[in-house]
PDB file of N, CA and C in Angstrom:
ATOM      1  N   MET A   1     -46.285 -32.743  50.516  1.00  0.00           N
ATOM      2  CA  MET A   1     -45.104 -32.681  51.434  1.00  0.00           C
ATOM      3  C   MET A   1     -44.743 -31.174  51.536  1.00  0.00           C
ATOM      4  N   ILE A   2     -44.973 -30.502  50.320  1.00  0.00           N
ATOM      5  CA  ILE A   2     -44.596 -29.184  50.340  1.00  0.00           C
ATOM      6  C   ILE A   2     -45.477 -28.261  51.143  1.00  0.00           C
ATOM      7  N   GLY A   3     -46.833 -28.698  51.185  1.00  0.00           N
ATOM      8  CA  GLY A   3     -47.807 -28.021  52.057  1.00  0.00           C
ATOM      9  C   GLY A   3     -47.414 -27.959  53.421  1.00  0.00           C
ATOM     10  N   PHE A   4     -46.903 -29.300  53.885  1.00  0.00           N
ATOM     11  CA  PHE A   4     -46.557 -29.418  55.106  1.00  0.00           C
ATOM     12  C   PHE A   4     -45.475 -28.573  55.598  1.00  0.00           C
ATOM     13  N   SER A   5     -44.561 -28.313  54.663  1.00  0.00           N
ATOM     14  CA  SER A   5     -43.225 -27.465  54.881  1.00  0.00           C
ATOM     15  C   SER A   5     -43.741 -26.010  55.106  1.00  0.00           C
ATOM     16  N   TYR A   6     -44.580 -25.615  54.161  1.00  0.00           N
ATOM     17  CA  TYR A   6     -45.156 -24.165  54.296  1.00  0.00           C
ATOM     18  C   TYR A   6     -45.982 -24.012  55.642  1.00  0.00           C
ATOM     19  N   PHE A   7     -46.795 -24.989  56.024  1.00  0.00           N
ATOM     20  CA  PHE A   7     -47.476 -24.974  57.317  1.00  0.00           C
ATOM     21  C   PHE A   7     -46.380 -24.755  58.489  1.00  0.00           C
ATOM     22  N   LEU A   8     -45.565 -25.599  58.327  1.00  0.00           N
ATOM     23  CA  LEU A   8     -44.404 -25.680  59.564  1.00  0.00           C
ATOM     24  C   LEU A   8     -43.599 -24.244  59.519  1.00  0.00           C
ATOM     25  N   LEU A   9     -43.253 -23.781  58.212  1.00  0.00           N
ATOM     26  CA  LEU A   9     -42.695 -22.358  58.374  1.00  0.00           C
ATOM     27  C   LEU A   9     -43.584 -21.317  58.755  1.00  0.00           C
ATOM     28  N   LEU A  10     -44.985 -21.410  58.542  1.00  0.00           N
ATOM     29  CA  LEU A  10     -45.847 -20.427  58.974  1.00  0.00           C
ATOM     30  C   LEU A  10     -45.994 -20.600  60.496  1.00  0.00           C
ATOM     31  N   TRP A  11     -46.099 -21.805  61.047  1.00  0.00           N
ATOM     32  CA  TRP A  11     -46.416 -21.984  62.435  1.00  0.00           C
ATOM     33  C   TRP A  11     -45.099 -21.348  63.272  1.00  0.00           C
ATOM     34  N   LEU A  12     -43.789 -21.752  62.812  1.00  0.00           N
ATOM     35  CA  LEU A  12     -42.704 -21.252  63.559  1.00  0.00           C
ATOM     36  C   LEU A  12     -42.517 -19.782  63.424  1.00  0.00           C
ATOM     37  N   GLY A  13     -42.855 -19.103  62.160  1.00  0.00           N
ATOM     38  CA  GLY A  13     -42.638 -17.915  61.961  1.00  0.00           C
ATOM     39  C   GLY A  13     -43.699 -16.891  62.873  1.00  0.00           C
ATOM     40  N   VAL A  14     -44.836 -17.484  62.878  1.00  0.00           N
ATOM     41  CA  VAL A  14     -45.885 -16.772  63.735  1.00  0.00           C
ATOM     42  C   VAL A  14     -45.451 -16.875  65.158  1.00  0.00           C
ATOM     43  N   GLY A  15     -44.971 -18.127  65.616  1.00  0.00           N
ATOM     44  CA  GLY A  15     -44.550 -18.171  67.010  1.00  0.00           C
ATOM     45  C   GLY A  15     -43.419 -17.304  67.465  1.00  0.00           C
ATOM     46  N   LEU A  16     -42.329 -17.018  66.504  1.00  0.00           N
ATOM     47  CA  LEU A  16     -41.223 -16.331  66.438  1.00  0.00           C
ATOM     48  C   LEU A  16     -41.710 -14.878  66.780  1.00  0.00           C
ATOM     49  N   LEU A  17     -42.606 -14.434  65.911  1.00  0.00           N
ATOM     50  CA  LEU A  17     -43.149 -13.065  66.041  1.00  0.00           C
ATOM     51  C   LEU A  17     -43.900 -12.863  67.403  1.00  0.00           C
ATOM     52  N   THR A  18     -44.591 -13.744  67.789  1.00  0.00           N
ATOM     53  CA  THR A  18     -45.495 -13.562  68.849  1.00  0.00           C
ATOM     54  C   THR A  18     -44.466 -13.478  70.069  1.00  0.00           C
ATOM     55  N   GLY A  19     -43.500 -14.498  70.086  1.00  0.00           N
ATOM     56  CA  GLY A  19     -42.455 -14.290  71.116  1.00  0.00           C
ATOM     57  C   GLY A  19     -41.649 -13.064  71.215  1.00  0.00           C
ATOM     58  N   PHE A  20     -41.176 -12.415  70.116  1.00  0.00           N
ATOM     59  CA  PHE A  20     -40.684 -11.269  70.226  1.00  0.00           C
ATOM     60  C   PHE A  20     -41.565 -10.199  70.794  1.00  0.00           C
ATOM     61  N   LYS A  21     -42.732 -10.122  70.348  1.00  0.00           N
ATOM     62  CA  LYS A  21     -43.874  -9.391  70.949  1.00  0.00           C
ATOM     63  C   LYS A  21     -44.006  -9.375  72.369  1.00  0.00           C
ATOM     64  N   ALA A  22     -44.084 -10.592  72.941  1.00  0.00           N
ATOM     65  CA  ALA A  22     -44.275 -10.856  74.117  1.00  0.00           C
ATOM     66  C   ALA A  22     -42.988 -10.408  75.053  1.00  0.00           C
ATOM     67  N   LEU A  23     -41.871 -10.648  74.575  1.00  0.00           N
ATOM     68  CA  LEU A  23     -40.678 -10.247  75.454  1.00  0.00           C
ATOM     69  C   LEU A  23     -40.339  -8.802  75.098  1.00  0.00           C
ATOM     70  N   PHE A  24     -40.449  -8.138  74.080  1.00  0.00           N
ATOM     71  CA  PHE A  24     -40.027  -6.801  73.923  1.00  0.00           C
ATOM     72  C   PHE A  24     -41.157  -5.763  73.698  1.00  0.00           C
ATOM     73  N   VAL A  25     -42.257  -6.014  73.530  1.00  0.00           N
ATOM     74  CA  VAL A  25     -43.401  -5.126  73.441  1.00  0.00           C
ATOM     75  C   VAL A  25     -44.238  -5.144  74.598  1.00  0.00           C
ATOM     76  N   ASP A  26     -44.642  -6.443  74.901  1.00  0.00           N
ATOM     77  CA  ASP A  26     -45.457  -6.403  76.226  1.00  0.00           C
ATOM     78  C   ASP A  26     -44.521  -6.518  77.401  1.00  0.00           C
ATOM     79  N   GLN A  27     -43.463  -6.785  77.369  1.00  0.00           N
ATOM     80  CA  GLN A  27     -42.180  -7.022  78.237  1.00  0.00           C
ATOM     81  C   GLN A  27     -42.692  -7.787  79.426  1.00  0.00           C
ATOM     82  N   VAL A  28     -42.719  -9.092  79.069  1.00  0.00           N
ATOM     83  CA  VAL A  28     -43.004 -10.183  80.060  1.00  0.00           C
ATOM     84  C   VAL A  28     -41.982 -10.089  81.233  1.00  0.00           C
ATOM     85  N   TYR A  29     -40.787  -9.706  80.820  1.00  0.00           N
ATOM     86  CA  TYR A  29     -39.699  -9.613  81.865  1.00  0.00           C
ATOM     87  C   TYR A  29     -39.332  -8.161  81.893  1.00  0.00           C
ATOM     88  N   ASP A  30     -39.966  -7.347  82.518  1.00  0.00           N
ATOM     89  CA  ASP A  30     -39.651  -5.889  82.556  1.00  0.00           C
ATOM     90  C   ASP A  30     -38.553  -5.642  83.745  1.00  0.00           C
ATOM     91  N   GLU A  31     -37.946  -4.490  83.618  1.00  0.00           N
ATOM     92  CA  GLU A  31     -36.861  -4.265  84.402  1.00  0.00           C
ATOM     93  C   GLU A  31     -37.181  -4.000  85.756  1.00  0.00           C
ATOM     94  N   GLU A  32     -38.372  -3.572  86.030  1.00  0.00           N
ATOM     95  CA  GLU A  32     -38.719  -3.468  87.400  1.00  0.00           C
ATOM     96  C   GLU A  32     -39.014  -4.747  88.201  1.00  0.00           C
ATOM     97  N   PHE A  33     -39.515  -5.622  87.447  1.00  0.00           N
ATOM     98  CA  PHE A  33     -39.570  -7.076  88.099  1.00  0.00           C
ATOM     99  C   PHE A  33     -38.269  -7.493  88.343  1.00  0.00           C
ATOM    100  N   LYS A  34     -37.473  -7.352  87.433  1.00  0.00           N
ATOM    101  CA  LYS A  34     -35.961  -7.973  87.491  1.00  0.00           C
ATOM    102  C   LYS A  34     -35.255  -7.289  88.822  1.00  0.00           C
ATOM    103  N   GLN A  35     -35.456  -5.990  88.904  1.00  0.00           N
ATOM    104  CA  GLN A  35     -34.784  -5.223  90.079  1.00  0.00           C
ATOM    105  C   GLN A  35     -35.408  -5.768  91.441  1.00  0.00           C
ATOM    106  N   GLU A  36     -36.556  -5.875  91.461  1.00  0.00           N
ATOM    107  CA  GLU A  36     -37.285  -6.241  92.654  1.00  0.00           C
ATOM    108  C   GLU A  36     -36.867  -7.581  93.138  1.00  0.00           C
ATOM    109  N   LEU A  37     -36.671  -8.488  92.177  1.00  0.00           N
ATOM    110  CA  LEU A  37     -36.235  -9.831  92.321  1.00  0.00           C
ATOM    111  C   LEU A  37     -34.817  -9.898  92.793  1.00  0.00           C
ATOM    112  N   ILE A  38     -33.892  -9.086  92.238  1.00  0.00           N
ATOM    113  CA  ILE A  38     -32.635  -9.097  92.735  1.00  0.00           C
ATOM    114  C   ILE A  38     -32.370  -8.394  94.148  1.00  0.00           C
ATOM    115  N   GLU A  39     -33.264  -7.371  94.460  1.00  0.00           N
ATOM    116  CA  GLU A  39     -33.166  -6.725  95.758  1.00  0.00           C
ATOM    117  C   GLU A  39     -33.711  -7.778  96.874  1.00  0.00           C
ATOM    118  N   SER A  40     -34.749  -8.799  96.472  1.00  0.00           N
ATOM    119  CA  SER A  40     -35.212  -9.577  97.494  1.00  0.00           C
ATOM    120  C   SER A  40     -34.265 -10.823  97.805  1.00  0.00           C
ATOM    121  N   CYS A  41     -33.442 -11.090  97.003  1.00  0.00           N
ATOM    122  CA  CYS A  41     -32.584 -12.320  97.171  1.00  0.00           C
ATOM    123  C   CYS A  41     -31.332 -12.118  97.876  1.00  0.00           C
ATOM    124  N   SER A  42     -30.541 -12.948  98.368  1.00  0.00           N
ATOM    125  CA  SER A  42     -29.290 -12.974  99.153  1.00  0.00           C
ATOM    126  C   SER A  42     -28.181 -12.520  98.173  1.00  0.00           C
ATOM    127  N   PRO A  43     -27.085 -11.841  98.893  1.00  0.00           N
ATOM    128  CA  PRO A  43     -26.091 -11.268  97.887  1.00  0.00           C
ATOM    129  C   PRO A  43     -25.420 -12.472  97.023  1.00  0.00           C
ATOM    130  N   ARG A  44     -25.169 -13.591  97.461  1.00  0.00           N
ATOM    131  CA  ARG A  44     -24.704 -14.597  96.694  1.00  0.00           C
ATOM    132  C   ARG A  44     -25.357 -14.956  95.633  1.00  0.00           C
ATOM    133  N   MET A  45     -26.772 -14.834  95.671  1.00  0.00           N
ATOM    134  CA  MET A  45     -27.717 -15.261  94.566  1.00  0.00           C
ATOM    135  C   MET A  45     -27.625 -14.172  93.459  1.00  0.00           C
ATOM    136  N   GLN A  46     -27.259 -12.935  93.666  1.00  0.00           N
ATOM    137  CA  GLN A  46     -27.200 -11.762  92.898  1.00  0.00           C
ATOM    138  C   GLN A  46     -26.285 -12.152  91.712  1.00  0.00           C
ATOM    139  N   GLN A  47     -25.185 -12.862  91.905  1.00  0.00           N
ATOM    140  CA  GLN A  47     -24.270 -13.111  90.846  1.00  0.00           C
ATOM    141  C   GLN A  47     -24.807 -13.990  89.750  1.00  0.00           C
ATOM    142  N   ASN A  48     -25.779 -14.875  90.019  1.00  0.00           N
ATOM    143  CA  ASN A  48     -26.500 -15.645  89.103  1.00  0.00           C
ATOM    144  C   ASN A  48     -27.901 -15.099  88.534  1.00  0.00           C
ATOM    145  N   MET A  49     -28.059 -13.982  88.825  1.00  0.00           N
ATOM    146  CA  MET A  49     -29.485 -13.400  88.347  1.00  0.00           C
ATOM    147  C   MET A  49     -29.376 -13.109  86.927  1.00  0.00           C
ATOM    148  N   ASP A  50     -28.398 -12.493  86.287  1.00  0.00           N
ATOM    149  CA  ASP A  50     -28.385 -12.243  84.858  1.00  0.00           C
ATOM    150  C   ASP A  50     -28.466 -13.418  84.016  1.00  0.00           C
ATOM    151  N   GLU A  51     -27.799 -14.615  84.446  1.00  0.00           N
ATOM    152  CA  GLU A  51     -27.856 -15.941  83.696  1.00  0.00           C
ATOM    153  C   GLU A  51     -29.223 -16.488  83.850  1.00  0.00           C
ATOM    154  N   LEU A  52     -29.816 -16.263  85.098  1.00  0.00           N
ATOM    155  CA  LEU A  52     -31.432 -16.733  85.296  1.00  0.00           C
ATOM    156  C   LEU A  52     -32.185 -16.051  84.269  1.00  0.00           C
ATOM    157  N   PHE A  53     -31.939 -14.735  84.167  1.00  0.00           N
ATOM    158  CA  PHE A  53     -32.968 -14.048  83.372  1.00  0.00           C
ATOM    159  C   PHE A  53     -32.738 -14.313  81.841  1.00  0.00           C
ATOM    160  N   LEU A  54     -31.537 -14.580  81.460  1.00  0.00           N
ATOM    161  CA  LEU A  54     -31.254 -14.769  80.006  1.00  0.00           C
ATOM    162  C   LEU A  54     -31.919 -16.197  79.733  1.00  0.00           C
ATOM    163  N   LYS A  55     -31.663 -17.274  80.562  1.00  0.00           N
ATOM    164  CA  LYS A  55     -32.303 -18.443  80.365  1.00  0.00           C
ATOM    165  C   LYS A  55     -33.811 -18.397  80.411  1.00  0.00           C
ATOM    166  N   GLY A  56     -34.374 -17.488  81.230  1.00  0.00           N
ATOM    167  CA  GLY A  56     -35.752 -17.270  81.266  1.00  0.00           C
ATOM    168  C   GLY A  56     -36.261 -16.838  79.952  1.00  0.00           C
ATOM    169  N   LYS A  57     -35.733 -15.815  79.483  1.00  0.00           N
ATOM    170  CA  LYS A  57     -35.994 -15.260  78.132  1.00  0.00           C
ATOM    171  C   LYS A  57     -36.032 -16.346  77.092  1.00  0.00           C
ATOM    172  N   ILE A  58     -34.875 -17.034  77.053  1.00  0.00           N
ATOM    173  CA  ILE A  58     -34.756 -18.138  76.103  1.00  0.00           C
ATOM    174  C   ILE A  58     -36.020 -19.240  76.203  1.00  0.00           C
ATOM    175  N   LYS A  59     -36.238 -19.552  77.351  1.00  0.00           N
ATOM    176  CA  LYS A  59     -37.400 -20.355  77.494  1.00  0.00           C
ATOM    177  C   LYS A  59     -38.712 -19.822  77.154  1.00  0.00           C
ATOM    178  N   ILE A  60     -38.828 -18.625  77.424  1.00  0.00           N
ATOM    179  CA  ILE A  60     -40.096 -18.163  76.980  1.00  0.00           C
ATOM    180  C   ILE A  60     -40.206 -17.935  75.369  1.00  0.00           C
ATOM    181  N   MET A  61     -39.072 -17.624  74.874  1.00  0.00           N
ATOM    182  CA  MET A  61     -39.023 -17.576  73.493  1.00  0.00           C
ATOM    183  C   MET A  61     -39.285 -18.845  72.715  1.00  0.00           C
ATOM    184  N   MET A  62     -38.523 -19.913  73.384  1.00  0.00           N
ATOM    185  CA  MET A  62     -38.882 -21.280  72.795  1.00  0.00           C
ATOM    186  C   MET A  62     -40.297 -21.751  72.953  1.00  0.00           C
ATOM    187  N   PHE A  63     -40.993 -21.267  74.013  1.00  0.00           N
ATOM    188  CA  PHE A  63     -42.234 -21.665  74.184  1.00  0.00           C
ATOM    189  C   PHE A  63     -43.195 -21.140  73.141  1.00  0.00           C
ATOM    190  N   TYR A  64     -43.015 -19.828  72.933  1.00  0.00           N
ATOM    191  CA  TYR A  64     -43.848 -19.225  71.963  1.00  0.00           C
ATOM    192  C   TYR A  64     -43.398 -19.668  70.480  1.00  0.00           C
ATOM    193  N   VAL A  65     -42.305 -19.973  70.118  1.00  0.00           N
ATOM    194  CA  VAL A  65     -42.027 -20.431  68.905  1.00  0.00           C
ATOM    195  C   VAL A  65     -42.494 -21.915  68.610  1.00  0.00           C
ATOM    196  N   LEU A  66     -42.599 -22.785  69.603  1.00  0.00           N
ATOM    197  CA  LEU A  66     -43.049 -24.043  69.325  1.00  0.00           C
ATOM    198  C   LEU A  66     -44.657 -24.088  69.577  1.00  0.00           C
ATOM    199  N   SER A  67     -45.190 -23.296  70.281  1.00  0.00           N
ATOM    200  CA  SER A  67     -46.586 -23.058  70.346  1.00  0.00           C
ATOM    201  C   SER A  67     -47.319 -22.474  69.234  1.00  0.00           C
ATOM    202  N   GLY A  68     -46.555 -21.741  68.245  1.00  0.00           N
ATOM    203  CA  GLY A  68     -46.868 -21.253  67.145  1.00  0.00           C
ATOM    204  C   GLY A  68     -48.191 -20.335  67.056  1.00  0.00           C
ATOM    205  N   LEU A  69     -49.233 -20.869  66.419  1.00  0.00           N
ATOM    206  CA  LEU A  69     -50.531 -20.089  66.305  1.00  0.00           C
ATOM    207  C   LEU A  69     -51.330 -20.136  67.479  1.00  0.00           C
ATOM    208  N   LEU A  70     -51.115 -20.910  68.596  1.00  0.00           N
ATOM    209  CA  LEU A  70     -51.965 -21.075  69.579  1.00  0.00           C
ATOM    210  C   LEU A  70     -51.981 -19.767  70.409  1.00  0.00           C
ATOM    211  N   PRO A  71     -50.892 -19.153  70.808  1.00  0.00           N
ATOM    212  CA  PRO A  71     -50.942 -17.753  71.623  1.00  0.00           C
ATOM    213  C   PRO A  71     -51.708 -16.812  70.800  1.00  0.00           C
ATOM    214  N   VAL A  72     -51.639 -16.778  69.536  1.00  0.00           N
ATOM    215  CA  VAL A  72     -52.491 -15.774  68.621  1.00  0.00           C
ATOM    216  C   VAL A  72     -53.867 -16.136  68.630  1.00  0.00           C
ATOM    217  N   GLY A  73     -54.290 -17.286  68.603  1.00  0.00           N
ATOM    218  CA  GLY A  73     -55.715 -17.773  68.774  1.00  0.00           C
ATOM    219  C   GLY A  73     -56.190 -17.558  70.063  1.00  0.00           C
ATOM    220  N   ILE A  74     -55.525 -17.704  71.197  1.00  0.00           N
ATOM    221  CA  ILE A  74     -56.057 -17.348  72.453  1.00  0.00           C
ATOM    222  C   ILE A  74     -56.225 -15.952  72.597  1.00  0.00           C
ATOM    223  N   LYS A  75     -55.324 -15.113  72.065  1.00  0.00           N
ATOM    224  CA  LYS A  75     -55.337 -13.822  72.198  1.00  0.00           C
ATOM    225  C   LYS A  75     -56.578 -13.221  71.524  1.00  0.00           C
ATOM    226  N   ILE A  76     -57.092 -13.782  70.332  1.00  0.00           N
ATOM    227  CA  ILE A  76     -58.024 -13.226  69.474  1.00  0.00           C
ATOM    228  C   ILE A  76     -59.419 -13.732  70.247  1.00  0.00           C
ATOM    229  N   VAL A  77     -59.426 -14.963  70.740  1.00  0.00           N
ATOM    230  CA  VAL A  77     -60.641 -15.283  71.417  1.00  0.00           C
ATOM    231  C   VAL A  77     -60.902 -14.609  72.666  1.00  0.00           C
ATOM    232  N   GLY A  78     -59.788 -14.263  73.271  1.00  0.00           N
ATOM    233  CA  GLY A  78     -59.833 -13.226  74.525  1.00  0.00           C
ATOM    234  C   GLY A  78     -60.366 -11.950  74.140  1.00  0.00           C
ATOM    235  N   LEU A  79     -59.900 -11.346  72.916  1.00  0.00           N
ATOM    236  CA  LEU A  79     -60.456 -10.101  72.535  1.00  0.00           C
ATOM    237  C   LEU A  79     -61.873 -10.177  72.262  1.00  0.00           C
ATOM    238  N   LEU A  80     -62.409 -11.288  71.605  1.00  0.00           N
ATOM    239  CA  LEU A  80     -63.735 -11.301  71.222  1.00  0.00           C
ATOM    240  C   LEU A  80     -64.657 -11.597  72.346  1.00  0.00           C
ATOM    241  N   LYS A  81     -64.265 -12.306  73.529  1.00  0.00           N
ATOM    242  CA  LYS A  81     -65.005 -12.414  74.578  1.00  0.00           C
ATOM    243  C   LYS A  81     -65.169 -11.317  75.430  1.00  0.00           C
ATOM    244  N   ARG A  82     -64.227 -10.406  75.202  1.00  0.00           N
ATOM    245  CA  ARG A  82     -64.207  -9.130  76.141  1.00  0.00           C
ATOM    246  C   ARG A  82     -65.302  -8.137  75.555  1.00  0.00           C
ATOM    247  N   ASP A  83     -65.639  -8.142  74.301  1.00  0.00           N
ATOM    248  CA  ASP A  83     -66.717  -7.109  73.718  1.00  0.00           C
ATOM    249  C   ASP A  83     -68.053  -7.665  74.160  1.00  0.00           C
TER     250      ASP A  83
END
């Protein structure tokens, strides 16, 4: 049972770090994309854009945390195939 606990902590920890990397280093939601989307929408929709982007970041982070080691494995396989 303690092994499963360690595995679960490792899974969630790697997912959390991968999510932070995707959001803040790779910048999945960069500011240029945000400004372009705000300019293309109607004036009434602009009020809800900040809430939309905050919820989007939370959803992306939760996806990475729950998927754990899978994004890391996919990234490694992609790097190996590229060579």
